[in-house]
Amino acid sequence: MCLDLRRRTGPVLSVVVPIHDVAPWLPACLDSILRQPVPDLEVVLVDDASTDGSTAIAEAYAAAHDRVRLVRLAERSGVSIARNVGVAHCTAAYLTFVDSDDELPADAWRRMLRTLRRTGSDFVVGKAARVSDTEWFVPPLMQRNHEVERLRSTIAESPLMLADVFVWNKIFRRDFWDRAAITFPERTRYQDQPALTRAFLAAERFDVLTDVVYEWRIRHDQTSATQRRAELSNLEERRRTKLMTLDLVREHASPQVLDVVLREILPIDMWEHYRAAVAGPAHSWDDAYWETLRTLQRELWNDATVPFAATTVVERQRAMGALVEADRRSDLRALIDEVDGRAAPVRDAAPATQT
């Protein structure tokens, strides 16, 4: 049964799909969108100068389906610009996003739209699962944030939702999106976090559902930002977006929300950068990466904010952070070897016990 069988004068939901060199996955992605039991979809494909046949696939879908439109960018511009351009071409009252290598469950959006119509909230958030040919799982923090349904919530009531820095498991009211002036920052691989932080902080109310509404593909070709942590440019972009997020929270949220962001959200992925800083033999370590990592550590966690030792990451990760603060790079490598079962225990590595 469809969401609403009454004929409308325009589309109900606009879907923005940025595309760049995703030919192996694009047909399944678009098929999963077009199968959704939501009438009057408007699907805006933004081809970001693909070179692998993705353009031809997008053209074929646009020719075959009157709900699909194709916008082509003349030169490679990045996913932020592609999404921003796509939004400018959307006309529906509701707005969502799908990445072109991911897929949707069979009925992803119908309940989300019904919920928004019932509550009047600014946007609705569903659960996402990570998938590959052999895996399907909901990450622990995602599961924690979606254990119970929360309607008409606020960021003061649900501050940990600021960790949900993904655009594709949400449906927004378009008038809210425009009113909050949400855009994706350009030329960065971590564009979702500042945009979604702004959305949560600007929303009067948002809805949190327990349903899995999105399937986020695990790619093993090392092309995603999260799989390229060891690149200096990746760390520099991560630093920039973390600082942008911190500035937004300081400006628009309560001290209590800021405390959650510093203790629980911003440190979540630091361990991956600690590992990247000492990957491989010592002679190959990147000094610029190490100094950038130490700068980031000092900027975010210090006596004026929250010491890293007081964050909620597990004890071993706090110990890694302490070694970064102390400029003990070889000891960090030894601690990681110990964690991985390759070396004897490292002495004097853990931060002081919290009281």
Protein backbone atom coordinates (compact mmCIF):
# COMPACT_ATOMS: atom_id res chain seq x y z
CA MET A 1 0.00 0.00 0.00
CA CYS A 2 1.43 3.39 -0.94
CA LEU A 3 1.87 6.29 1.43
CA ASP A 4 -0.98 8.34 -0.02
CA LEU A 5 -2.81 7.45 -3.20
CA ARG A 6 -4.25 10.91 -3.77
CA ARG A 7 -2.74 12.61 -6.81
CA ARG A 8 -0.41 15.47 -6.01
CA THR A 9 0.60 18.48 -8.03
CA GLY A 10 4.28 17.92 -7.41
CA PRO A 11 6.76 15.41 -5.94
CA VAL A 12 6.51 14.37 -2.30
CA LEU A 13 10.15 13.54 -1.70
CA SER A 14 13.32 14.73 -3.45
CA VAL A 15 16.28 12.34 -3.43
CA VAL A 16 19.78 13.64 -4.19
CA VAL A 17 22.28 11.04 -5.48
CA PRO A 18 25.86 12.26 -6.09
CA ILE A 19 27.70 10.04 -8.58
CA HIS A 20 31.38 9.58 -9.32
CA ASP A 21 32.91 6.37 -10.71
CA VAL A 22 30.52 3.92 -9.05
CA ALA A 23 29.49 1.87 -12.07
CA PRO A 24 29.62 -1.52 -10.26
CA TRP A 25 27.11 -0.39 -7.63
CA LEU A 26 25.01 2.32 -9.27
CA PRO A 27 22.27 0.15 -10.87
CA ALA A 28 21.51 -1.62 -7.58
CA CYS A 29 21.44 1.72 -5.78
CA LEU A 30 19.01 3.30 -8.25
CA ASP A 31 16.82 0.19 -8.38
CA SER A 32 16.52 0.26 -4.57
CA ILE A 33 15.37 3.90 -4.76
CA LEU A 34 12.84 3.33 -7.53
CA ARG A 35 11.36 0.32 -5.70
CA GLN A 36 10.38 2.42 -2.68
CA PRO A 37 6.59 2.42 -2.11
CA VAL A 38 6.46 6.23 -2.00
CA PRO A 39 4.56 7.97 -4.80
CA ASP A 40 5.81 11.00 -6.67
CA LEU A 41 9.52 10.65 -5.98
CA GLU A 42 11.88 13.14 -7.56
CA VAL A 43 15.34 11.60 -8.01
CA VAL A 44 18.10 14.07 -8.84
CA LEU A 45 21.29 12.39 -10.03
CA VAL A 46 24.38 14.61 -10.02
CA ASP A 47 27.16 13.14 -12.12
CA ASP A 48 30.45 14.51 -10.82
CA ALA A 49 32.50 14.04 -14.01
CA SER A 50 32.56 10.24 -13.88
CA THR A 51 35.05 8.38 -16.07
CA ASP A 52 34.05 4.73 -15.61
CA GLY A 53 30.68 4.34 -17.32
CA SER A 54 28.60 5.75 -14.46
CA THR A 55 27.46 8.59 -16.70
CA ALA A 56 25.97 6.21 -19.26
CA ILE A 57 24.16 4.29 -16.52
CA ALA A 58 22.72 7.51 -15.09
CA GLU A 59 21.64 8.67 -18.56
CA ALA A 60 19.87 5.37 -19.17
CA TYR A 61 17.91 5.62 -15.91
CA ALA A 62 16.98 9.24 -16.59
CA ALA A 63 15.74 8.28 -20.06
CA ALA A 64 13.72 5.33 -18.76
CA HIS A 65 12.10 6.94 -15.71
CA ASP A 66 10.34 10.29 -15.70
CA ARG A 67 10.97 10.55 -11.95
CA VAL A 68 14.74 10.65 -12.55
CA ARG A 69 16.65 13.74 -13.68
CA LEU A 70 20.34 13.97 -14.43
CA VAL A 71 22.55 16.97 -13.72
CA ARG A 72 26.09 16.78 -15.07
CA LEU A 73 29.07 18.67 -13.65
CA ALA A 74 31.69 19.62 -16.22
CA GLU A 75 34.64 18.89 -13.98
CA ARG A 76 35.35 16.89 -10.84
CA SER A 77 34.06 18.94 -7.93
CA GLY A 78 33.63 16.58 -4.98
CA VAL A 79 30.62 15.16 -3.18
CA SER A 80 29.87 18.37 -1.26
CA ILE A 81 29.41 20.46 -4.38
CA ALA A 82 27.51 17.62 -6.06
CA ARG A 83 25.07 17.44 -3.15
CA ASN A 84 24.67 21.22 -2.93
CA VAL A 85 23.97 21.39 -6.67
CA GLY A 86 21.48 18.55 -6.35
CA VAL A 87 19.57 20.29 -3.56
CA ALA A 88 19.26 23.40 -5.74
CA HIS A 89 17.44 21.29 -8.35
CA CYS A 90 14.98 19.72 -5.87
CA THR A 91 11.34 20.85 -5.69
CA ALA A 92 9.61 18.54 -3.16
CA ALA A 93 8.54 19.42 0.36
CA TYR A 94 10.80 16.71 1.80
CA LEU A 95 14.47 16.05 1.09
CA THR A 96 16.80 13.08 1.50
CA PHE A 97 20.10 11.77 0.18
CA VAL A 98 21.49 8.44 -1.03
CA ASP A 99 25.14 7.71 -1.79
CA SER A 100 25.49 5.98 -5.14
CA ASP A 101 27.32 2.89 -3.86
CA ASP A 102 24.74 2.15 -1.14
CA GLU A 103 21.25 0.65 -1.15
CA LEU A 104 17.94 1.06 0.65
CA PRO A 105 15.90 -1.61 2.45
CA ALA A 106 12.59 -2.49 0.83
CA ASP A 107 10.49 0.11 2.67
CA ALA A 108 12.90 2.76 3.92
CA TRP A 109 10.97 6.02 3.70
CA ARG A 110 7.24 5.46 4.10
CA ARG A 111 7.19 5.37 7.91
CA MET A 112 9.69 8.23 8.09
CA LEU A 113 7.38 10.45 6.03
CA ARG A 114 4.31 9.43 8.02
CA THR A 115 6.14 10.23 11.25
CA LEU A 116 7.14 13.70 10.07
CA ARG A 117 3.58 14.44 9.01
CA ARG A 118 2.28 13.35 12.39
CA THR A 119 4.84 15.09 14.60
CA GLY A 120 5.63 18.24 12.61
CA SER A 121 9.32 17.79 13.44
CA ASP A 122 12.04 19.32 11.29
CA PHE A 123 13.56 15.98 10.31
CA VAL A 124 13.49 12.28 11.11
CA VAL A 125 16.43 9.93 11.69
CA GLY A 126 16.48 6.16 11.09
CA LYS A 127 19.00 3.46 11.83
CA ALA A 128 21.73 2.45 9.34
CA ALA A 129 23.42 -0.90 8.87
CA ARG A 130 26.86 -1.60 7.47
CA VAL A 131 26.82 -4.21 4.70
CA SER A 132 29.11 -6.13 2.40
CA ASP A 133 28.87 -9.42 0.53
CA THR A 134 29.47 -11.26 3.81
CA GLU A 135 28.45 -8.85 6.58
CA TRP A 136 25.36 -7.01 7.84
CA PHE A 137 25.53 -5.24 11.20
CA VAL A 138 24.47 -2.08 13.01
CA PRO A 139 27.46 -0.26 14.57
CA PRO A 140 27.27 -0.13 18.40
CA LEU A 141 26.81 3.63 18.74
CA MET A 142 24.19 3.64 16.00
CA GLN A 143 22.36 0.87 17.85
CA ARG A 144 22.61 2.78 21.13
CA ASN A 145 21.16 5.93 19.59
CA HIS A 146 18.22 4.02 18.09
CA GLU A 147 17.34 1.61 20.89
CA VAL A 148 14.05 3.39 21.56
CA GLU A 149 11.80 5.61 19.49
CA ARG A 150 11.94 9.29 20.43
CA LEU A 151 9.49 11.68 18.81
CA ARG A 152 9.81 15.47 18.89
CA SER A 153 13.14 15.23 20.67
CA THR A 154 15.64 18.07 21.10
CA ILE A 155 19.41 18.05 21.10
CA ALA A 156 19.35 18.98 24.80
CA GLU A 157 17.35 15.79 25.44
CA SER A 158 19.37 13.62 23.05
CA PRO A 159 22.89 15.11 22.81
CA LEU A 160 24.52 11.86 21.71
CA MET A 161 22.62 12.13 18.43
CA LEU A 162 25.33 14.60 17.39
CA ALA A 163 27.41 11.48 16.75
CA ASP A 164 25.00 10.56 13.93
CA VAL A 165 26.94 12.54 11.34
CA PHE A 166 25.38 10.93 8.27
CA VAL A 167 23.01 12.66 5.89
CA TRP A 168 21.54 9.60 4.19
CA ASN A 169 19.57 8.07 7.09
CA LYS A 170 17.42 11.17 7.47
CA ILE A 171 14.50 12.92 5.78
CA PHE A 172 14.34 16.69 6.17
CA ARG A 173 11.58 19.21 5.66
CA ARG A 174 12.88 21.30 2.78
CA ASP A 175 11.74 24.54 4.36
CA PHE A 176 13.77 23.66 7.49
CA TRP A 177 16.84 22.84 5.36
CA ASP A 178 16.63 26.24 3.67
CA ARG A 179 15.77 28.15 6.83
CA ALA A 180 18.74 26.65 8.68
CA ALA A 181 21.00 27.43 5.69
CA ILE A 182 22.45 23.93 5.71
CA THR A 183 25.13 23.30 3.08
CA PHE A 184 27.95 20.83 2.77
CA PRO A 185 31.41 22.39 3.20
CA GLU A 186 33.40 22.05 0.01
CA ARG A 187 36.69 20.27 -0.68
CA THR A 188 36.64 17.97 2.32
CA ARG A 189 36.06 14.24 2.71
CA TYR A 190 34.25 14.78 6.03
CA GLN A 191 31.50 17.06 4.81
CA ASP A 192 28.64 15.40 6.70
CA GLN A 193 29.73 16.27 10.25
CA PRO A 194 29.50 20.09 10.08
CA ALA A 195 26.30 19.96 8.01
CA LEU A 196 24.57 17.50 10.32
CA THR A 197 25.81 19.25 13.44
CA ARG A 198 24.18 22.43 12.12
CA ALA A 199 20.95 20.51 11.42
CA PHE A 200 20.70 19.03 14.92
CA LEU A 201 21.50 22.36 16.57
CA ALA A 202 19.04 24.31 14.39
CA ALA A 203 16.14 21.87 14.76
CA GLU A 204 13.36 22.72 17.16
CA ARG A 205 12.36 19.04 17.17
CA PHE A 206 13.52 15.85 15.45
CA ASP A 207 12.28 12.25 15.44
CA VAL A 208 14.41 9.17 16.11
CA LEU A 209 13.12 5.81 14.84
CA THR A 210 14.29 2.27 15.52
CA ASP A 211 13.90 1.04 11.92
CA VAL A 212 16.88 0.27 9.68
CA VAL A 213 16.37 2.69 6.78
CA TYR A 214 19.75 2.60 5.05
CA GLU A 215 22.42 0.06 4.06
CA TRP A 216 25.90 1.59 4.07
CA ARG A 217 28.31 -0.37 1.93
CA ILE A 218 31.69 -1.50 3.25
CA ARG A 219 34.14 -1.01 0.39
CA HIS A 220 37.49 -2.75 0.45
CA ASP A 221 39.10 -0.78 -2.40
CA GLN A 222 40.51 1.93 -0.06
CA THR A 223 38.64 4.72 -1.85
CA SER A 224 36.51 6.00 1.02
CA ALA A 225 37.70 8.70 3.41
CA THR A 226 37.43 6.42 6.42
CA GLN A 227 39.74 3.88 4.74
CA ARG A 228 42.49 6.44 4.10
CA ARG A 229 43.26 7.59 7.62
CA ALA A 230 47.04 7.45 7.08
CA GLU A 231 47.07 10.28 4.53
CA LEU A 232 48.14 13.65 5.93
CA SER A 233 45.48 15.41 3.86
CA ASN A 234 42.85 13.12 5.44
CA LEU A 235 44.00 14.04 8.95
CA GLU A 236 44.10 17.74 8.09
CA GLU A 237 40.51 17.57 6.81
CA ARG A 238 39.45 15.62 9.89
CA ARG A 239 41.03 18.27 12.10
CA ARG A 240 39.23 21.03 10.22
CA THR A 241 35.81 19.41 10.48
CA LYS A 242 36.25 18.52 14.16
CA LEU A 243 37.11 22.15 14.92
CA MET A 244 34.16 23.36 12.83
CA THR A 245 31.89 21.05 14.79
CA LEU A 246 33.29 22.23 18.11
CA ASP A 247 32.79 25.88 17.14
CA LEU A 248 29.17 25.25 16.13
CA VAL A 249 28.38 23.49 19.40
CA ARG A 250 30.07 26.19 21.46
CA GLU A 251 28.03 28.85 19.68
CA HIS A 252 24.61 27.19 19.60
CA ALA A 253 24.37 24.56 22.34
CA SER A 254 24.42 24.34 26.11
CA PRO A 255 27.53 23.54 28.19
CA GLN A 256 26.00 20.13 28.88
CA VAL A 257 25.79 19.31 25.16
CA LEU A 258 29.33 20.63 24.64
CA ASP A 259 30.56 18.30 27.38
CA VAL A 260 28.99 15.28 25.64
CA VAL A 261 30.60 16.30 22.35
CA LEU A 262 34.06 16.58 23.91
CA ARG A 263 33.84 13.47 26.09
CA GLU A 264 31.89 11.06 23.90
CA ILE A 265 31.67 12.17 20.27
CA LEU A 266 34.81 13.89 19.01
CA PRO A 267 37.22 11.25 20.43
CA ILE A 268 35.39 8.30 18.85
CA ASP A 269 37.72 7.84 15.86
CA MET A 270 40.99 9.16 17.28
CA TRP A 271 42.36 5.66 17.79
CA GLU A 272 42.40 5.16 14.03
CA HIS A 273 44.66 8.17 13.62
CA TYR A 274 46.89 6.97 16.49
CA ARG A 275 47.36 3.72 14.62
CA ALA A 276 47.95 5.50 11.33
CA ALA A 277 50.66 7.68 12.90
CA VAL A 278 52.84 4.66 13.69
CA ALA A 279 51.89 2.28 10.89
CA GLY A 280 54.78 0.47 9.22
CA PRO A 281 58.49 0.61 10.16
CA ALA A 282 59.78 3.62 12.10
CA HIS A 283 61.83 4.95 9.18
CA SER A 284 58.60 5.40 7.17
CA TRP A 285 56.72 7.39 9.81
CA ASP A 286 55.45 10.77 8.64
CA ASP A 287 56.66 13.52 10.99
CA ALA A 288 54.13 16.02 9.60
CA TYR A 289 51.30 13.58 10.33
CA TRP A 290 52.53 13.12 13.90
CA GLU A 291 52.79 16.85 14.59
CA THR A 292 49.34 17.50 13.06
CA LEU A 293 47.89 14.74 15.23
CA ARG A 294 49.48 16.20 18.36
CA THR A 295 48.20 19.66 17.45
CA LEU A 296 44.66 18.31 17.03
CA GLN A 297 44.92 16.50 20.36
CA ARG A 298 45.98 19.70 22.18
CA GLU A 299 43.34 21.85 20.46
CA LEU A 300 40.42 19.63 21.41
CA TRP A 301 41.36 18.13 24.77
CA ASN A 302 43.11 20.27 27.34
CA ASP A 303 42.62 21.79 30.79
CA ALA A 304 40.29 24.46 29.39
CA THR A 305 37.96 21.89 27.74
CA VAL A 306 38.15 18.24 28.84
CA PRO A 307 41.40 16.31 29.31
CA PHE A 308 41.61 13.34 26.97
CA ALA A 309 42.03 11.12 30.03
CA ALA A 310 38.48 12.14 31.03
CA THR A 311 36.84 11.08 27.76
CA THR A 312 34.67 7.97 27.57
CA VAL A 313 36.70 5.99 25.04
CA VAL A 314 38.09 2.72 26.34
CA GLU A 315 41.14 2.75 28.62
CA ARG A 316 43.59 1.57 25.95
CA GLN A 317 42.58 4.43 23.66
CA ARG A 318 42.99 6.92 26.49
CA ALA A 319 46.46 5.47 27.04
CA MET A 320 47.26 5.99 23.36
CA GLY A 321 46.13 9.59 23.66
CA ALA A 322 48.38 10.10 26.68
CA LEU A 323 51.38 8.88 24.70
CA VAL A 324 50.54 11.24 21.84
CA GLU A 325 50.31 14.14 24.30
CA ALA A 326 53.68 13.17 25.77
CA ASP A 327 55.31 12.89 22.32
CA ARG A 328 56.17 9.23 22.98
CA ARG A 329 55.81 7.88 19.48
CA SER A 330 57.83 4.68 19.86
CA ASP A 331 55.93 3.84 23.03
CA LEU A 332 52.67 4.33 21.14
CA ARG A 333 53.83 1.82 18.57
CA ALA A 334 54.77 -0.61 21.35
CA LEU A 335 51.37 -0.16 23.02
CA ILE A 336 49.56 -0.86 19.77
CA ASP A 337 51.71 -3.97 19.28
CA GLU A 338 50.74 -5.05 22.79
CA VAL A 339 47.04 -4.48 22.07
CA ASP A 340 47.43 -6.54 18.91
CA GLY A 341 49.21 -9.31 20.83
CA ARG A 342 52.61 -8.77 19.22
CA ALA A 343 54.68 -7.46 22.15
CA ALA A 344 55.25 -7.43 25.90
CA PRO A 345 53.20 -5.02 28.06
CA VAL A 346 54.15 -1.37 27.92
CA ARG A 347 54.80 0.23 31.33
CA ASP A 348 53.58 3.69 32.33
CA ALA A 349 51.35 4.02 29.27
CA ALA A 350 47.92 4.56 30.76
CA PRO A 351 46.62 7.94 31.90
CA ALA A 352 45.93 8.54 35.55
CA THR A 353 42.86 6.81 36.92
CA GLN A 354 39.80 9.04 36.88
CA THR A 355 38.15 9.87 40.18
